[in-house]
PDB file of N, CA and C in Angstrom:
ATOM      1  N   UNK A   1      84.323 114.367  38.566  1.00  0.00           N
ATOM      2  CA  UNK A   1      83.714 115.420  39.611  1.00  0.00           C
ATOM      3  C   UNK A   1      82.996 114.827  40.759  1.00  0.00           C
ATOM      4  N   UNK A   2      82.449 113.568  40.396  1.00  0.00           N
ATOM      5  CA  UNK A   2      81.889 112.933  41.553  1.00  0.00           C
ATOM      6  C   UNK A   2      82.909 112.431  42.498  1.00  0.00           C
ATOM      7  N   UNK A   3      83.936 111.883  41.963  1.00  0.00           N
ATOM      8  CA  UNK A   3      85.188 111.506  42.862  1.00  0.00           C
ATOM      9  C   UNK A   3      85.632 112.760  43.921  1.00  0.00           C
ATOM     10  N   UNK A   4      85.642 113.962  43.101  1.00  0.00           N
ATOM     11  CA  UNK A   4      86.216 115.051  43.773  1.00  0.00           C
ATOM     12  C   UNK A   4      85.294 115.553  45.128  1.00  0.00           C
ATOM     13  N   UNK A   5      83.998 115.486  44.697  1.00  0.00           N
ATOM     14  CA  UNK A   5      83.047 115.597  45.721  1.00  0.00           C
ATOM     15  C   UNK A   5      82.992 114.757  46.896  1.00  0.00           C
ATOM     16  N   UNK A   6      83.010 113.314  46.267  1.00  0.00           N
ATOM     17  CA  UNK A   6      83.184 112.384  47.597  1.00  0.00           C
ATOM     18  C   UNK A   6      84.258 112.632  48.476  1.00  0.00           C
ATOM     19  N   UNK A   7      85.684 112.956  47.919  1.00  0.00           N
ATOM     20  CA  UNK A   7      86.760 113.065  48.851  1.00  0.00           C
ATOM     21  C   UNK A   7      86.624 114.361  49.536  1.00  0.00           C
ATOM     22  N   UNK A   8      85.995 115.578  49.154  1.00  0.00           N
ATOM     23  CA  UNK A   8      85.733 116.514  49.962  1.00  0.00           C
ATOM     24  C   UNK A   8      84.663 116.348  50.784  1.00  0.00           C
ATOM     25  N   UNK A   9      83.841 115.666  50.657  1.00  0.00           N
ATOM     26  CA  UNK A   9      82.757 115.462  51.443  1.00  0.00           C
ATOM     27  C   UNK A   9      83.488 114.552  52.686  1.00  0.00           C
ATOM     28  N   UNK A  10      84.009 113.289  52.326  1.00  0.00           N
ATOM     29  CA  UNK A  10      84.628 112.810  53.387  1.00  0.00           C
ATOM     30  C   UNK A  10      85.770 113.637  54.227  1.00  0.00           C
ATOM     31  N   UNK A  11      86.588 114.163  53.752  1.00  0.00           N
ATOM     32  CA  UNK A  11      87.266 115.063  54.362  1.00  0.00           C
ATOM     33  C   UNK A  11      86.827 116.002  55.394  1.00  0.00           C
ATOM     34  N   UNK A  12      85.650 116.734  54.951  1.00  0.00           N
ATOM     35  CA  UNK A  12      84.850 117.421  55.654  1.00  0.00           C
ATOM     36  C   UNK A  12      84.180 116.799  56.928  1.00  0.00           C
ATOM     37  N   UNK A  13      83.656 115.319  56.697  1.00  0.00           N
ATOM     38  CA  UNK A  13      82.951 114.593  57.688  1.00  0.00           C
ATOM     39  C   UNK A  13      84.103 114.039  58.631  1.00  0.00           C
ATOM     40  N   UNK A  14      85.308 114.045  58.363  1.00  0.00           N
ATOM     41  CA  UNK A  14      86.472 113.667  59.107  1.00  0.00           C
ATOM     42  C   UNK A  14      86.829 114.604  60.135  1.00  0.00           C
ATOM     43  N   UNK A  15      86.796 115.970  59.543  1.00  0.00           N
ATOM     44  CA  UNK A  15      87.163 117.110  60.392  1.00  0.00           C
ATOM     45  C   UNK A  15      86.007 117.357  61.475  1.00  0.00           C
ATOM     46  N   UNK A  16      84.770 117.055  61.135  1.00  0.00           N
ATOM     47  CA  UNK A  16      83.689 117.263  61.996  1.00  0.00           C
ATOM     48  C   UNK A  16      83.741 116.161  63.109  1.00  0.00           C
ATOM     49  N   UNK A  17      84.172 114.989  62.730  1.00  0.00           N
ATOM     50  CA  UNK A  17      84.392 114.165  63.843  1.00  0.00           C
ATOM     51  C   UNK A  17      85.460 114.485  64.766  1.00  0.00           C
ATOM     52  N   UNK A  18      86.597 114.836  64.134  1.00  0.00           N
ATOM     53  CA  UNK A  18      87.662 115.175  65.135  1.00  0.00           C
ATOM     54  C   UNK A  18      87.271 116.330  65.926  1.00  0.00           C
ATOM     55  N   UNK A  19      86.563 117.451  65.421  1.00  0.00           N
ATOM     56  CA  UNK A  19      86.223 118.407  66.299  1.00  0.00           C
ATOM     57  C   UNK A  19      85.157 118.154  67.470  1.00  0.00           C
ATOM     58  N   UNK A  20      84.430 117.222  67.093  1.00  0.00           N
ATOM     59  CA  UNK A  20      83.230 116.819  68.034  1.00  0.00           C
ATOM     60  C   UNK A  20      84.178 115.867  69.249  1.00  0.00           C
ATOM     61  N   UNK A  21      85.018 115.202  68.747  1.00  0.00           N
ATOM     62  CA  UNK A  21      85.689 114.224  69.864  1.00  0.00           C
ATOM     63  C   UNK A  21      86.686 115.157  70.884  1.00  0.00           C
ATOM     64  N   UNK A  22      86.968 116.287  70.371  1.00  0.00           N
ATOM     65  CA  UNK A  22      88.103 117.002  71.190  1.00  0.00           C
ATOM     66  C   UNK A  22      87.196 117.882  71.954  1.00  0.00           C
ATOM     67  N   UNK A  23      87.536 117.654  73.397  1.00  0.00           N
ATOM     68  CA  UNK A  23      86.888 118.500  74.462  1.00  0.00           C
ATOM     69  C   UNK A  23      87.932 119.348  75.269  1.00  0.00           C
ATOM     70  N   UNK A  24      87.696 120.211  75.753  1.00  0.00           N
ATOM     71  CA  UNK A  24      88.939 121.309  76.047  1.00  0.00           C
ATOM     72  C   UNK A  24      88.607 121.220  77.696  1.00  0.00           C
ATOM     73  N   UNK A  25      89.689 121.527  78.510  1.00  0.00           N
ATOM     74  CA  UNK A  25      89.768 121.729  79.760  1.00  0.00           C
ATOM     75  C   UNK A  25      89.347 122.870  80.255  1.00  0.00           C
ATOM     76  N   UNK A  26      88.254 122.958  81.465  1.00  0.00           N
ATOM     77  CA  UNK A  26      87.863 124.214  81.824  1.00  0.00           C
ATOM     78  C   UNK A  26      88.885 124.944  82.724  1.00  0.00           C
ATOM     79  N   UNK A  27      88.789 126.323  82.752  1.00  0.00           N
ATOM     80  CA  UNK A  27      89.895 127.034  83.447  1.00  0.00           C
ATOM     81  C   UNK A  27      89.530 126.491  84.863  1.00  0.00           C
ATOM     82  N   UNK A  28      90.637 126.813  85.569  1.00  0.00           N
ATOM     83  CA  UNK A  28      90.754 126.490  87.191  1.00  0.00           C
ATOM     84  C   UNK A  28      89.695 127.332  87.875  1.00  0.00           C
ATOM     85  N   UNK A  29      89.393 128.432  87.333  1.00  0.00           N
ATOM     86  CA  UNK A  29      88.341 129.314  88.060  1.00  0.00           C
ATOM     87  C   UNK A  29      87.045 128.777  87.835  1.00  0.00           C
ATOM     88  N   UNK A  30      86.698 128.042  86.584  1.00  0.00           N
ATOM     89  CA  UNK A  30      85.354 127.659  86.261  1.00  0.00           C
ATOM     90  C   UNK A  30      85.089 126.228  87.252  1.00  0.00           C
ATOM     91  N   UNK A  31      86.374 125.505  87.447  1.00  0.00           N
ATOM     92  CA  UNK A  31      86.113 124.408  87.968  1.00  0.00           C
ATOM     93  C   UNK A  31      85.816 124.770  89.620  1.00  0.00           C
ATOM     94  N   UNK A  32      86.613 125.571  89.969  1.00  0.00           N
ATOM     95  CA  UNK A  32      86.345 126.040  91.454  1.00  0.00           C
ATOM     96  C   UNK A  32      84.953 126.580  91.551  1.00  0.00           C
ATOM     97  N   UNK A  33      84.389 127.350  90.790  1.00  0.00           N
ATOM     98  CA  UNK A  33      83.038 127.737  91.035  1.00  0.00           C
ATOM     99  C   UNK A  33      82.280 126.399  90.827  1.00  0.00           C
ATOM    100  N   UNK A  34      82.492 125.578  90.060  1.00  0.00           N
ATOM    101  CA  UNK A  34      81.594 124.292  90.029  1.00  0.00           C
ATOM    102  C   UNK A  34      81.695 123.554  91.490  1.00  0.00           C
ATOM    103  N   UNK A  35      82.891 123.481  91.686  1.00  0.00           N
ATOM    104  CA  UNK A  35      83.249 122.662  92.885  1.00  0.00           C
ATOM    105  C   UNK A  35      82.402 123.602  94.345  1.00  0.00           C
ATOM    106  N   UNK A  36      82.556 124.738  94.317  1.00  0.00           N
ATOM    107  CA  UNK A  36      81.950 125.645  95.216  1.00  0.00           C
ATOM    108  C   UNK A  36      80.502 125.223  95.325  1.00  0.00           C
ATOM    109  N   UNK A  37      79.729 125.495  94.075  1.00  0.00           N
ATOM    110  CA  UNK A  37      78.482 125.258  93.895  1.00  0.00           C
ATOM    111  C   UNK A  37      78.212 123.841  94.491  1.00  0.00           C
ATOM    112  N   UNK A  38      78.734 122.851  94.075  1.00  0.00           N
ATOM    113  CA  UNK A  38      78.604 121.556  94.387  1.00  0.00           C
ATOM    114  C   UNK A  38      78.580 121.183  96.106  1.00  0.00           C
ATOM    115  N   UNK A  39      79.450 121.780  96.729  1.00  0.00           N
ATOM    116  CA  UNK A  39      79.559 121.838  98.079  1.00  0.00           C
ATOM    117  C   UNK A  39      78.483 122.346  98.619  1.00  0.00           C
ATOM    118  N   UNK A  40      78.355 123.508  98.323  1.00  0.00           N
ATOM    119  CA  UNK A  40      77.065 124.283  98.702  1.00  0.00           C
ATOM    120  C   UNK A  40      75.854 123.451  98.518  1.00  0.00           C
ATOM    121  N   UNK A  41      75.778 122.658  97.545  1.00  0.00           N
ATOM    122  CA  UNK A  41      74.333 122.187  97.089  1.00  0.00           C
ATOM    123  C   UNK A  41      74.395 120.691  98.168  1.00  0.00           C
ATOM    124  N   UNK A  42      75.511 120.072  98.004  1.00  0.00           N
ATOM    125  CA  UNK A  42      75.419 118.751  98.573  1.00  0.00           C
ATOM    126  C   UNK A  42      76.169 118.614  99.818  1.00  0.00           C
ATOM    127  N   UNK A  43      76.992 119.652 100.363  1.00  0.00           N
ATOM    128  CA  UNK A  43      77.929 119.498 101.412  1.00  0.00           C
ATOM    129  C   UNK A  43      79.162 118.867 101.073  1.00  0.00           C
ATOM    130  N   UNK A  44      80.276 118.622 101.877  1.00  0.00           N
ATOM    131  CA  UNK A  44      81.413 118.019 101.586  1.00  0.00           C
ATOM    132  C   UNK A  44      81.651 116.820 102.120  1.00  0.00           C
ATOM    133  N   UNK A  45      80.599 116.007 102.334  1.00  0.00           N
ATOM    134  CA  UNK A  45      80.849 114.722 103.314  1.00  0.00           C
ATOM    135  C   UNK A  45      81.128 113.634 102.217  1.00  0.00           C
ATOM    136  N   UNK A  46      80.159 113.489 101.159  1.00  0.00           N
ATOM    137  CA  UNK A  46      80.267 112.326 100.167  1.00  0.00           C
ATOM    138  C   UNK A  46      81.292 112.866  98.950  1.00  0.00           C
ATOM    139  N   UNK A  47      82.436 112.205  98.805  1.00  0.00           N
ATOM    140  CA  UNK A  47      83.283 112.531  97.824  1.00  0.00           C
ATOM    141  C   UNK A  47      82.709 112.282  96.585  1.00  0.00           C
ATOM    142  N   UNK A  48      82.233 110.819  96.401  1.00  0.00           N
ATOM    143  CA  UNK A  48      81.626 110.545  94.940  1.00  0.00           C
ATOM    144  C   UNK A  48      80.763 111.567  94.452  1.00  0.00           C
ATOM    145  N   UNK A  49      79.799 111.927  95.374  1.00  0.00           N
ATOM    146  CA  UNK A  49      78.651 112.841  94.856  1.00  0.00           C
ATOM    147  C   UNK A  49      79.103 114.124  94.739  1.00  0.00           C
ATOM    148  N   UNK A  50      80.299 114.661  95.293  1.00  0.00           N
ATOM    149  CA  UNK A  50      80.849 115.815  94.766  1.00  0.00           C
ATOM    150  C   UNK A  50      81.503 115.923  93.462  1.00  0.00           C
ATOM    151  N   UNK A  51      82.030 114.517  93.377  1.00  0.00           N
ATOM    152  CA  UNK A  51      82.933 114.456  92.125  1.00  0.00           C
ATOM    153  C   UNK A  51      81.958 114.348  90.876  1.00  0.00           C
ATOM    154  N   UNK A  52      80.793 113.580  91.143  1.00  0.00           N
ATOM    155  CA  UNK A  52      79.746 113.576  90.041  1.00  0.00           C
ATOM    156  C   UNK A  52      79.268 114.909  89.531  1.00  0.00           C
ATOM    157  N   UNK A  53      78.867 115.635  90.706  1.00  0.00           N
ATOM    158  CA  UNK A  53      78.351 116.872  90.562  1.00  0.00           C
ATOM    159  C   UNK A  53      79.459 117.859  89.592  1.00  0.00           C
ATOM    160  N   UNK A  54      80.530 117.738  90.223  1.00  0.00           N
ATOM    161  CA  UNK A  54      81.373 118.578  89.279  1.00  0.00           C
ATOM    162  C   UNK A  54      81.433 118.028  88.029  1.00  0.00           C
ATOM    163  N   UNK A  55      81.662 116.804  87.714  1.00  0.00           N
ATOM    164  CA  UNK A  55      81.727 116.320  86.481  1.00  0.00           C
ATOM    165  C   UNK A  55      80.433 116.463  85.511  1.00  0.00           C
ATOM    166  N   UNK A  56      79.383 116.660  86.309  1.00  0.00           N
ATOM    167  CA  UNK A  56      77.928 117.079  85.526  1.00  0.00           C
ATOM    168  C   UNK A  56      78.130 118.410  84.965  1.00  0.00           C
ATOM    169  N   UNK A  57      78.766 119.317  86.007  1.00  0.00           N
ATOM    170  CA  UNK A  57      78.813 120.670  85.343  1.00  0.00           C
ATOM    171  C   UNK A  57      80.122 120.790  84.241  1.00  0.00           C
ATOM    172  N   UNK A  58      80.967 120.055  84.404  1.00  0.00           N
ATOM    173  CA  UNK A  58      82.059 119.917  83.322  1.00  0.00           C
ATOM    174  C   UNK A  58      81.238 119.470  82.149  1.00  0.00           C
ATOM    175  N   UNK A  59      80.533 118.453  82.049  1.00  0.00           N
ATOM    176  CA  UNK A  59      79.832 117.815  80.935  1.00  0.00           C
ATOM    177  C   UNK A  59      78.947 118.831  80.312  1.00  0.00           C
ATOM    178  N   UNK A  60      78.312 119.591  81.384  1.00  0.00           N
ATOM    179  CA  UNK A  60      77.091 120.722  80.730  1.00  0.00           C
ATOM    180  C   UNK A  60      77.879 121.704  79.958  1.00  0.00           C
ATOM    181  N   UNK A  61      79.272 122.056  80.452  1.00  0.00           N
ATOM    182  CA  UNK A  61      79.977 123.036  79.598  1.00  0.00           C
ATOM    183  C   UNK A  61      80.918 122.770  78.533  1.00  0.00           C
ATOM    184  N   UNK A  62      80.697 121.333  78.201  1.00  0.00           N
ATOM    185  CA  UNK A  62      81.518 120.416  77.269  1.00  0.00           C
ATOM    186  C   UNK A  62      82.854 120.423  77.230  1.00  0.00           C
ATOM    187  N   UNK A  63      83.337 120.527  78.666  1.00  0.00           N
ATOM    188  CA  UNK A  63      84.824 120.439  79.270  1.00  0.00           C
ATOM    189  C   UNK A  63      84.948 118.661  79.451  1.00  0.00           C
ATOM    190  N   UNK A  64      86.072 118.582  79.768  1.00  0.00           N
ATOM    191  CA  UNK A  64      86.630 117.247  80.204  1.00  0.00           C
ATOM    192  C   UNK A  64      86.562 116.927  81.644  1.00  0.00           C
ATOM    193  N   UNK A  65      86.180 115.936  82.010  1.00  0.00           N
ATOM    194  CA  UNK A  65      85.962 115.291  83.132  1.00  0.00           C
ATOM    195  C   UNK A  65      86.991 115.121  84.109  1.00  0.00           C
ATOM    196  N   UNK A  66      86.832 114.922  85.306  1.00  0.00           N
ATOM    197  CA  UNK A  66      88.025 114.615  86.285  1.00  0.00           C
ATOM    198  C   UNK A  66      87.653 112.949  86.871  1.00  0.00           C
ATOM    199  N   UNK A  67      88.770 112.179  87.198  1.00  0.00           N
ATOM    200  CA  UNK A  67      88.851 110.952  87.387  1.00  0.00           C
ATOM    201  C   UNK A  67      88.369 110.937  89.047  1.00  0.00           C
ATOM    202  N   UNK A  68      89.123 111.646  89.712  1.00  0.00           N
ATOM    203  CA  UNK A  68      88.837 111.811  91.289  1.00  0.00           C
ATOM    204  C   UNK A  68      88.983 113.161  91.928  1.00  0.00           C
ATOM    205  N   UNK A  69      88.273 113.250  92.930  1.00  0.00           N
ATOM    206  CA  UNK A  69      87.889 114.569  93.693  1.00  0.00           C
ATOM    207  C   UNK A  69      89.476 115.096  93.863  1.00  0.00           C
ATOM    208  N   UNK A  70      90.568 114.246  94.033  1.00  0.00           N
ATOM    209  CA  UNK A  70      91.828 114.854  94.315  1.00  0.00           C
ATOM    210  C   UNK A  70      92.346 115.471  92.949  1.00  0.00           C
ATOM    211  N   UNK A  71      92.113 115.063  91.966  1.00  0.00           N
ATOM    212  CA  UNK A  71      92.294 115.916  90.559  1.00  0.00           C
ATOM    213  C   UNK A  71      91.680 117.049  90.529  1.00  0.00           C
ATOM    214  N   UNK A  72      90.378 117.364  91.001  1.00  0.00           N
ATOM    215  CA  UNK A  72      89.567 118.610  90.916  1.00  0.00           C
ATOM    216  C   UNK A  72      90.319 119.586  91.772  1.00  0.00           C
ATOM    217  N   UNK A  73      90.796 118.954  93.065  1.00  0.00           N
ATOM    218  CA  UNK A  73      91.416 120.058  94.205  1.00  0.00           C
ATOM    219  C   UNK A  73      92.798 120.530  93.642  1.00  0.00           C
ATOM    220  N   UNK A  74      93.397 119.501  92.897  1.00  0.00           N
ATOM    221  CA  UNK A  74      94.724 119.917  92.480  1.00  0.00           C
ATOM    222  C   UNK A  74      94.624 120.831  91.372  1.00  0.00           C
ATOM    223  N   UNK A  75      93.542 120.781  90.467  1.00  0.00           N
ATOM    224  CA  UNK A  75      93.468 121.660  89.284  1.00  0.00           C
ATOM    225  C   UNK A  75      92.884 123.121  89.774  1.00  0.00           C
ATOM    226  N   UNK A  76      92.159 122.990  90.818  1.00  0.00           N
ATOM    227  CA  UNK A  76      91.748 124.182  91.300  1.00  0.00           C
ATOM    228  C   UNK A  76      93.018 125.066  91.874  1.00  0.00           C
ATOM    229  N   UNK A  77      93.754 124.476  92.453  1.00  0.00           N
ATOM    230  CA  UNK A  77      95.034 124.989  93.156  1.00  0.00           C
ATOM    231  C   UNK A  77      95.686 126.025  92.332  1.00  0.00           C
ATOM    232  N   UNK A  78      95.690 125.511  90.926  1.00  0.00           N
ATOM    233  CA  UNK A  78      96.178 126.482  89.680  1.00  0.00           C
ATOM    234  C   UNK A  78      95.520 127.831  89.773  1.00  0.00           C
ATOM    235  N   UNK A  79      94.271 128.043  90.426  1.00  0.00           N
ATOM    236  CA  UNK A  79      93.559 129.262  90.067  1.00  0.00           C
ATOM    237  C   UNK A  79      94.258 130.087  91.310  1.00  0.00           C
ATOM    238  N   UNK A  80      94.756 129.637  92.361  1.00  0.00           N
ATOM    239  CA  UNK A  80      95.101 130.490  93.344  1.00  0.00           C
ATOM    240  C   UNK A  80      96.568 130.920  93.374  1.00  0.00           C
TER     241      UNK A  80
END
């Protein structure tokens, strides 16, 4: 009985870790909203600051982040 409980517990723990590690992509509209908010807040001069801002918004929503601002803009184009 103890063995069975240990196996069940380990399986449940592994599934929890897998679910926690999986992030999903935000919709293009959510990314566009975040991008427009960041442009309004910081302007569009500093690409690194814009990327950091967008990624902070993605992290807050538990979404995957972007590596470059070009990736953000390409992803936004899907919404149009």
